[in-house]
Amino acid sequence: MIRAAHLRKVVDGRTVLDDVTFDVEKGECVGIADSRDRRHTTLLQILAILTPPTAGTLRIGGIDAINDPLGARSYVAYTD
């Protein structure tokens, strides 16, 4: 399960993500698409625990991915 709440990311003084909130339950399949550059990539990097959000909360598999990124990484696979 993934629970993202009010995720925000500021890069070089520019807000890339602002107030992104969603839940993905076990067994669900979702797609992420965006019409602007870097937003979807930035969100995927946050979900893969490669970069922290500027604000918000992220739980992956019931683990607080921001405060325990190593614990949450066992639930994540990412390829670019």
PDB file of N, CA and C in Angstrom:
ATOM      1  N   MET A   1       0.830  -1.164   0.000  1.00  0.00           N
ATOM      2  CA  MET A   1       0.000   0.000   0.000  1.00  0.00           C
ATOM      3  C   MET A   1       0.888   1.246   0.000  1.00  0.00           C
ATOM      4  N   ILE A   2       0.458   2.240  -0.740  1.00  0.00           N
ATOM      5  CA  ILE A   2       1.153   3.530  -0.775  1.00  0.00           C
ATOM      6  C   ILE A   2       0.167   4.609  -0.352  1.00  0.00           C
ATOM      7  N   ARG A   3       0.569   5.438   0.588  1.00  0.00           N
ATOM      8  CA  ARG A   3      -0.238   6.587   1.001  1.00  0.00           C
ATOM      9  C   ARG A   3       0.627   7.833   0.913  1.00  0.00           C
ATOM     10  N   ALA A   4       0.295   8.671  -0.028  1.00  0.00           N
ATOM     11  CA  ALA A   4       0.995   9.946  -0.201  1.00  0.00           C
ATOM     12  C   ALA A   4       0.018  11.051   0.175  1.00  0.00           C
ATOM     13  N   ALA A   5       0.460  11.968   1.012  1.00  0.00           N
ATOM     14  CA  ALA A   5      -0.426  13.043   1.455  1.00  0.00           C
ATOM     15  C   ALA A   5       0.296  14.381   1.386  1.00  0.00           C
ATOM     16  N   HIS A   6      -0.260  15.274   0.614  1.00  0.00           N
ATOM     17  CA  HIS A   6       0.203  16.661   0.526  1.00  0.00           C
ATOM     18  C   HIS A   6       1.683  16.762   0.148  1.00  0.00           C
ATOM     19  N   LEU A   7       2.119  15.881  -0.767  1.00  0.00           N
ATOM     20  CA  LEU A   7       3.517  15.927  -1.196  1.00  0.00           C
ATOM     21  C   LEU A   7       3.790  17.226  -1.948  1.00  0.00           C
ATOM     22  N   ARG A   8       4.922  17.805  -1.619  1.00  0.00           N
ATOM     23  CA  ARG A   8       5.366  19.049  -2.256  1.00  0.00           C
ATOM     24  C   ARG A   8       6.856  18.909  -2.518  1.00  0.00           C
ATOM     25  N   LYS A   9       7.285  19.387  -3.677  1.00  0.00           N
ATOM     26  CA  LYS A   9       8.707  19.365  -3.997  1.00  0.00           C
ATOM     27  C   LYS A   9       9.069  20.677  -4.667  1.00  0.00           C
ATOM     28  N   VAL A  10      10.076  21.337  -4.098  1.00  0.00           N
ATOM     29  CA  VAL A  10      10.607  22.576  -4.661  1.00  0.00           C
ATOM     30  C   VAL A  10      12.020  22.280  -5.145  1.00  0.00           C
ATOM     31  N   VAL A  11      12.294  22.585  -6.408  1.00  0.00           N
ATOM     32  CA  VAL A  11      13.603  22.347  -7.015  1.00  0.00           C
ATOM     33  C   VAL A  11      14.106  23.678  -7.575  1.00  0.00           C
ATOM     34  N   ASP A  12      15.262  24.092  -7.111  1.00  0.00           N
ATOM     35  CA  ASP A  12      15.868  25.349  -7.569  1.00  0.00           C
ATOM     36  C   ASP A  12      14.895  26.523  -7.455  1.00  0.00           C
ATOM     37  N   GLY A  13      14.167  26.572  -6.353  1.00  0.00           N
ATOM     38  CA  GLY A  13      13.236  27.662  -6.095  1.00  0.00           C
ATOM     39  C   GLY A  13      11.920  27.572  -6.851  1.00  0.00           C
ATOM     40  N   ARG A  14      11.741  26.514  -7.638  1.00  0.00           N
ATOM     41  CA  ARG A  14      10.522  26.329  -8.431  1.00  0.00           C
ATOM     42  C   ARG A  14       9.713  25.167  -7.864  1.00  0.00           C
ATOM     43  N   THR A  15       8.427  25.381  -7.633  1.00  0.00           N
ATOM     44  CA  THR A  15       7.559  24.319  -7.132  1.00  0.00           C
ATOM     45  C   THR A  15       7.243  23.363  -8.276  1.00  0.00           C
ATOM     46  N   VAL A  16       7.703  22.121  -8.132  1.00  0.00           N
ATOM     47  CA  VAL A  16       7.499  21.103  -9.162  1.00  0.00           C
ATOM     48  C   VAL A  16       6.257  20.282  -8.848  1.00  0.00           C
ATOM     49  N   LEU A  17       6.066  19.939  -7.589  1.00  0.00           N
ATOM     50  CA  LEU A  17       4.862  19.227  -7.127  1.00  0.00           C
ATOM     51  C   LEU A  17       4.239  20.047  -6.013  1.00  0.00           C
ATOM     52  N   ASP A  18       2.909  20.092  -5.995  1.00  0.00           N
ATOM     53  CA  ASP A  18       2.242  20.854  -4.946  1.00  0.00           C
ATOM     54  C   ASP A  18       0.954  20.149  -4.538  1.00  0.00           C
ATOM     55  N   ASP A  19       0.916  19.692  -3.296  1.00  0.00           N
ATOM     56  CA  ASP A  19      -0.274  19.082  -2.695  1.00  0.00           C
ATOM     57  C   ASP A  19      -0.749  17.834  -3.439  1.00  0.00           C
ATOM     58  N   VAL A  20       0.167  16.916  -3.719  1.00  0.00           N
ATOM     59  CA  VAL A  20      -0.174  15.649  -4.371  1.00  0.00           C
ATOM     60  C   VAL A  20      -0.580  14.652  -3.284  1.00  0.00           C
ATOM     61  N   THR A  21      -1.811  14.155  -3.393  1.00  0.00           N
ATOM     62  CA  THR A  21      -2.344  13.220  -2.405  1.00  0.00           C
ATOM     63  C   THR A  21      -3.020  12.064  -3.129  1.00  0.00           C
ATOM     64  N   PHE A  22      -2.686  10.822  -2.745  1.00  0.00           N
ATOM     65  CA  PHE A  22      -3.344   9.646  -3.315  1.00  0.00           C
ATOM     66  C   PHE A  22      -3.036   8.422  -2.470  1.00  0.00           C
ATOM     67  N   ASP A  23      -3.854   7.391  -2.627  1.00  0.00           N
ATOM     68  CA  ASP A  23      -3.644   6.086  -2.001  1.00  0.00           C
ATOM     69  C   ASP A  23      -3.650   5.026  -3.095  1.00  0.00           C
ATOM     70  N   VAL A  24      -2.782   4.049  -2.969  1.00  0.00           N
ATOM     71  CA  VAL A  24      -2.785   2.880  -3.841  1.00  0.00           C
ATOM     72  C   VAL A  24      -2.860   1.675  -2.925  1.00  0.00           C
ATOM     73  N   GLU A  25      -3.922   0.904  -3.075  1.00  0.00           N
ATOM     74  CA  GLU A  25      -4.109  -0.280  -2.237  1.00  0.00           C
ATOM     75  C   GLU A  25      -3.360  -1.477  -2.819  1.00  0.00           C
ATOM     76  N   LYS A  26      -3.108  -2.464  -1.985  1.00  0.00           N
ATOM     77  CA  LYS A  26      -2.426  -3.673  -2.415  1.00  0.00           C
ATOM     78  C   LYS A  26      -3.208  -4.304  -3.570  1.00  0.00           C
ATOM     79  N   GLY A  27      -2.495  -4.653  -4.634  1.00  0.00           N
ATOM     80  CA  GLY A  27      -3.109  -5.290  -5.788  1.00  0.00           C
ATOM     81  C   GLY A  27      -3.578  -4.323  -6.855  1.00  0.00           C
ATOM     82  N   GLU A  28      -3.627  -3.035  -6.551  1.00  0.00           N
ATOM     83  CA  GLU A  28      -4.036  -2.048  -7.546  1.00  0.00           C
ATOM     84  C   GLU A  28      -2.868  -1.727  -8.472  1.00  0.00           C
ATOM     85  N   CYS A  29      -3.192  -1.347  -9.678  1.00  0.00           N
ATOM     86  CA  CYS A  29      -2.198  -0.924 -10.650  1.00  0.00           C
ATOM     87  C   CYS A  29      -2.574   0.483 -11.095  1.00  0.00           C
ATOM     88  N   VAL A  30      -1.615   1.388 -11.068  1.00  0.00           N
ATOM     89  CA  VAL A  30      -1.888   2.772 -11.444  1.00  0.00           C
ATOM     90  C   VAL A  30      -0.865   3.239 -12.465  1.00  0.00           C
ATOM     91  N   GLY A  31      -1.233   4.258 -13.194  1.00  0.00           N
ATOM     92  CA  GLY A  31      -0.309   4.910 -14.120  1.00  0.00           C
ATOM     93  C   GLY A  31      -0.171   6.368 -13.721  1.00  0.00           C
ATOM     94  N   ILE A  32       0.978   6.945 -13.990  1.00  0.00           N
ATOM     95  CA  ILE A  32       1.220   8.351 -13.668  1.00  0.00           C
ATOM     96  C   ILE A  32       1.605   9.056 -14.967  1.00  0.00           C
ATOM     97  N   ALA A  33       0.840  10.077 -15.299  1.00  0.00           N
ATOM     98  CA  ALA A  33       1.100  10.849 -16.516  1.00  0.00           C
ATOM     99  C   ALA A  33       0.982  12.328 -16.186  1.00  0.00           C
ATOM    100  N   ASP A  34       1.732  13.135 -16.904  1.00  0.00           N
ATOM    101  CA  ASP A  34       1.701  14.575 -16.672  1.00  0.00           C
ATOM    102  C   ASP A  34       2.035  15.281 -17.967  1.00  0.00           C
ATOM    103  N   SER A  35       1.445  16.427 -18.163  1.00  0.00           N
ATOM    104  CA  SER A  35       1.693  17.185 -19.384  1.00  0.00           C
ATOM    105  C   SER A  35       2.866  18.160 -19.246  1.00  0.00           C
ATOM    106  N   ARG A  36       3.410  18.299 -18.046  1.00  0.00           N
ATOM    107  CA  ARG A  36       4.521  19.222 -17.831  1.00  0.00           C
ATOM    108  C   ARG A  36       5.808  18.452 -17.544  1.00  0.00           C
ATOM    109  N   ASP A  37       6.913  19.068 -17.882  1.00  0.00           N
ATOM    110  CA  ASP A  37       8.207  18.428 -17.668  1.00  0.00           C
ATOM    111  C   ASP A  37       8.500  18.230 -16.192  1.00  0.00           C
ATOM    112  N   ARG A  38       9.133  17.117 -15.865  1.00  0.00           N
ATOM    113  CA  ARG A  38       9.713  16.788 -14.557  1.00  0.00           C
ATOM    114  C   ARG A  38       8.720  16.415 -13.471  1.00  0.00           C
ATOM    115  N   ARG A  39       7.458  16.752 -13.569  1.00  0.00           N
ATOM    116  CA  ARG A  39       6.554  16.441 -12.458  1.00  0.00           C
ATOM    117  C   ARG A  39       6.427  14.940 -12.244  1.00  0.00           C
ATOM    118  N   HIS A  40       6.125  14.189 -13.285  1.00  0.00           N
ATOM    119  CA  HIS A  40       5.947  12.753 -13.090  1.00  0.00           C
ATOM    120  C   HIS A  40       7.265  12.090 -12.701  1.00  0.00           C
ATOM    121  N   THR A  41       8.365  12.541 -13.290  1.00  0.00           N
ATOM    122  CA  THR A  41       9.667  11.984 -12.926  1.00  0.00           C
ATOM    123  C   THR A  41       9.991  12.286 -11.467  1.00  0.00           C
ATOM    124  N   THR A  42       9.712  13.503 -11.033  1.00  0.00           N
ATOM    125  CA  THR A  42       9.970  13.875  -9.647  1.00  0.00           C
ATOM    126  C   THR A  42       9.110  13.050  -8.704  1.00  0.00           C
ATOM    127  N   LEU A  43       7.837  12.864  -9.032  1.00  0.00           N
ATOM    128  CA  LEU A  43       6.963  12.045  -8.193  1.00  0.00           C
ATOM    129  C   LEU A  43       7.470  10.616  -8.117  1.00  0.00           C
ATOM    130  N   LEU A  44       7.868  10.046  -9.244  1.00  0.00           N
ATOM    131  CA  LEU A  44       8.396   8.678  -9.231  1.00  0.00           C
ATOM    132  C   LEU A  44       9.678   8.572  -8.421  1.00  0.00           C
ATOM    133  N   GLN A  45      10.534   9.583  -8.479  1.00  0.00           N
ATOM    134  CA  GLN A  45      11.762   9.571  -7.679  1.00  0.00           C
ATOM    135  C   GLN A  45      11.446   9.648  -6.187  1.00  0.00           C
ATOM    136  N   ILE A  46      10.422  10.396  -5.829  1.00  0.00           N
ATOM    137  CA  ILE A  46      10.005  10.449  -4.418  1.00  0.00           C
ATOM    138  C   ILE A  46       9.451   9.094  -3.994  1.00  0.00           C
ATOM    139  N   LEU A  47       8.612   8.488  -4.835  1.00  0.00           N
ATOM    140  CA  LEU A  47       8.036   7.177  -4.511  1.00  0.00           C
ATOM    141  C   LEU A  47       9.097   6.091  -4.431  1.00  0.00           C
ATOM    142  N   ALA A  48      10.167   6.231  -5.207  1.00  0.00           N
ATOM    143  CA  ALA A  48      11.268   5.269  -5.177  1.00  0.00           C
ATOM    144  C   ALA A  48      12.272   5.590  -4.074  1.00  0.00           C
ATOM    145  N   ILE A  49      12.002   6.641  -3.318  1.00  0.00           N
ATOM    146  CA  ILE A  49      12.832   7.068  -2.198  1.00  0.00           C
ATOM    147  C   ILE A  49      14.238   7.442  -2.672  1.00  0.00           C
ATOM    148  N   LEU A  50      14.301   8.033  -3.856  1.00  0.00           N
ATOM    149  CA  LEU A  50      15.574   8.520  -4.383  1.00  0.00           C
ATOM    150  C   LEU A  50      15.792   9.981  -4.033  1.00  0.00           C
ATOM    151  N   THR A  51      14.714  10.709  -3.795  1.00  0.00           N
ATOM    152  CA  THR A  51      14.778  12.106  -3.383  1.00  0.00           C
ATOM    153  C   THR A  51      13.645  12.358  -2.399  1.00  0.00           C
ATOM    154  N   PRO A  52      13.879  13.122  -1.347  1.00  0.00           N
ATOM    155  CA  PRO A  52      12.813  13.378  -0.381  1.00  0.00           C
ATOM    156  C   PRO A  52      11.897  14.510  -0.856  1.00  0.00           C
ATOM    157  N   PRO A  53      10.641  14.477  -0.448  1.00  0.00           N
ATOM    158  CA  PRO A  53       9.772  15.614  -0.744  1.00  0.00           C
ATOM    159  C   PRO A  53      10.168  16.800   0.132  1.00  0.00           C
ATOM    160  N   THR A  54       9.820  17.987  -0.308  1.00  0.00           N
ATOM    161  CA  THR A  54      10.042  19.184   0.503  1.00  0.00           C
ATOM    162  C   THR A  54       9.072  19.210   1.671  1.00  0.00           C
ATOM    163  N   ALA A  55       7.867  18.702   1.441  1.00  0.00           N
ATOM    164  CA  ALA A  55       6.839  18.634   2.488  1.00  0.00           C
ATOM    165  C   ALA A  55       5.903  17.481   2.168  1.00  0.00           C
ATOM    166  N   GLY A  56       5.119  17.080   3.166  1.00  0.00           N
ATOM    167  CA  GLY A  56       4.134  16.022   2.993  1.00  0.00           C
ATOM    168  C   GLY A  56       4.564  14.744   3.677  1.00  0.00           C
ATOM    169  N   THR A  57       3.719  13.729   3.552  1.00  0.00           N
ATOM    170  CA  THR A  57       3.995  12.429   4.158  1.00  0.00           C
ATOM    171  C   THR A  57       3.894  11.341   3.100  1.00  0.00           C
ATOM    172  N   LEU A  58       4.662  10.272   3.306  1.00  0.00           N
ATOM    173  CA  LEU A  58       4.669   9.136   2.392  1.00  0.00           C
ATOM    174  C   LEU A  58       4.840   7.863   3.205  1.00  0.00           C
ATOM    175  N   ARG A  59       3.856   6.976   3.076  1.00  0.00           N
ATOM    176  CA  ARG A  59       3.935   5.668   3.722  1.00  0.00           C
ATOM    177  C   ARG A  59       3.901   4.605   2.635  1.00  0.00           C
ATOM    178  N   ILE A  60       4.858   3.690   2.693  1.00  0.00           N
ATOM    179  CA  ILE A  60       4.936   2.587   1.747  1.00  0.00           C
ATOM    180  C   ILE A  60       4.977   1.299   2.549  1.00  0.00           C
ATOM    181  N   GLY A  61       4.014   0.425   2.305  1.00  0.00           N
ATOM    182  CA  GLY A  61       3.946  -0.823   3.066  1.00  0.00           C
ATOM    183  C   GLY A  61       3.781  -0.585   4.557  1.00  0.00           C
ATOM    184  N   GLY A  62       3.137   0.516   4.923  1.00  0.00           N
ATOM    185  CA  GLY A  62       2.921   0.851   6.324  1.00  0.00           C
ATOM    186  C   GLY A  62       4.114   1.523   6.991  1.00  0.00           C
ATOM    187  N   ILE A  63       5.183   1.734   6.262  1.00  0.00           N
ATOM    188  CA  ILE A  63       6.404   2.337   6.811  1.00  0.00           C
ATOM    189  C   ILE A  63       6.491   3.792   6.392  1.00  0.00           C
ATOM    190  N   ASP A  64       6.854   4.644   7.317  1.00  0.00           N
ATOM    191  CA  ASP A  64       7.070   6.056   7.016  1.00  0.00           C
ATOM    192  C   ASP A  64       8.333   6.161   6.161  1.00  0.00           C
ATOM    193  N   ALA A  65       8.146   6.384   4.860  1.00  0.00           N
ATOM    194  CA  ALA A  65       9.267   6.362   3.921  1.00  0.00           C
ATOM    195  C   ALA A  65      10.186   7.564   4.066  1.00  0.00           C
ATOM    196  N   ILE A  66       9.716   8.626   4.683  1.00  0.00           N
ATOM    197  CA  ILE A  66      10.554   9.809   4.856  1.00  0.00           C
ATOM    198  C   ILE A  66      11.474   9.633   6.061  1.00  0.00           C
ATOM    199  N   ASN A  67      10.939   9.093   7.155  1.00  0.00           N
ATOM    200  CA  ASN A  67      11.744   8.910   8.363  1.00  0.00           C
ATOM    201  C   ASN A  67      12.485   7.577   8.403  1.00  0.00           C
ATOM    202  N   ASP A  68      12.038   6.608   7.615  1.00  0.00           N
ATOM    203  CA  ASP A  68      12.702   5.302   7.565  1.00  0.00           C
ATOM    204  C   ASP A  68      12.841   4.851   6.109  1.00  0.00           C
ATOM    205  N   PRO A  69      13.639   5.585   5.329  1.00  0.00           N
ATOM    206  CA  PRO A  69      13.743   5.245   3.903  1.00  0.00           C
ATOM    207  C   PRO A  69      14.303   3.848   3.646  1.00  0.00           C
ATOM    208  N   LEU A  70      15.231   3.393   4.443  1.00  0.00           N
ATOM    209  CA  LEU A  70      15.780   2.050   4.234  1.00  0.00           C
ATOM    210  C   LEU A  70      14.740   0.975   4.467  1.00  0.00           C
ATOM    211  N   GLY A  71      13.894   1.158   5.467  1.00  0.00           N
ATOM    212  CA  GLY A  71      12.823   0.197   5.729  1.00  0.00           C
ATOM    213  C   GLY A  71      11.806   0.153   4.600  1.00  0.00           C
ATOM    214  N   ALA A  72      11.482   1.305   4.045  1.00  0.00           N
ATOM    215  CA  ALA A  72      10.493   1.376   2.969  1.00  0.00           C
ATOM    216  C   ALA A  72      11.061   0.879   1.643  1.00  0.00           C
ATOM    217  N   ARG A  73      12.362   0.964   1.457  1.00  0.00           N
ATOM    218  CA  ARG A  73      12.959   0.557   0.179  1.00  0.00           C
ATOM    219  C   ARG A  73      12.748  -0.920  -0.130  1.00  0.00           C
ATOM    220  N   SER A  74      12.521  -1.733   0.872  1.00  0.00           N
ATOM    221  CA  SER A  74      12.305  -3.159   0.614  1.00  0.00           C
ATOM    222  C   SER A  74      11.013  -3.401  -0.162  1.00  0.00           C
ATOM    223  N   TYR A  75      10.142  -2.398  -0.248  1.00  0.00           N
ATOM    224  CA  TYR A  75       8.888  -2.509  -0.976  1.00  0.00           C
ATOM    225  C   TYR A  75       8.960  -1.853  -2.363  1.00  0.00           C
ATOM    226  N   VAL A  76      10.105  -1.314  -2.731  1.00  0.00           N
ATOM    227  CA  VAL A  76      10.186  -0.471  -3.916  1.00  0.00           C
ATOM    228  C   VAL A  76      11.159  -1.038  -4.940  1.00  0.00           C
ATOM    229  N   ALA A  77      10.775  -0.964  -6.216  1.00  0.00           N
ATOM    230  CA  ALA A  77      11.683  -1.246  -7.321  1.00  0.00           C
ATOM    231  C   ALA A  77      11.542  -0.091  -8.298  1.00  0.00           C
ATOM    232  N   TYR A  78      12.648   0.368  -8.854  1.00  0.00           N
ATOM    233  CA  TYR A  78      12.618   1.521  -9.758  1.00  0.00           C
ATOM    234  C   TYR A  78      13.654   1.336 -10.832  1.00  0.00           C
ATOM    235  N   THR A  79      13.274   1.614 -12.049  1.00  0.00           N
ATOM    236  CA  THR A  79      14.215   1.599 -13.154  1.00  0.00           C
ATOM    237  C   THR A  79      13.963   2.815 -14.021  1.00  0.00           C
ATOM    238  N   ASP A  80      15.000   3.361 -14.571  1.00  0.00           N
ATOM    239  CA  ASP A  80      14.861   4.571 -15.389  1.00  0.00           C
ATOM    240  C   ASP A  80      15.249   4.286 -16.818  1.00  0.00           C
TER     241      ASP A  80
END
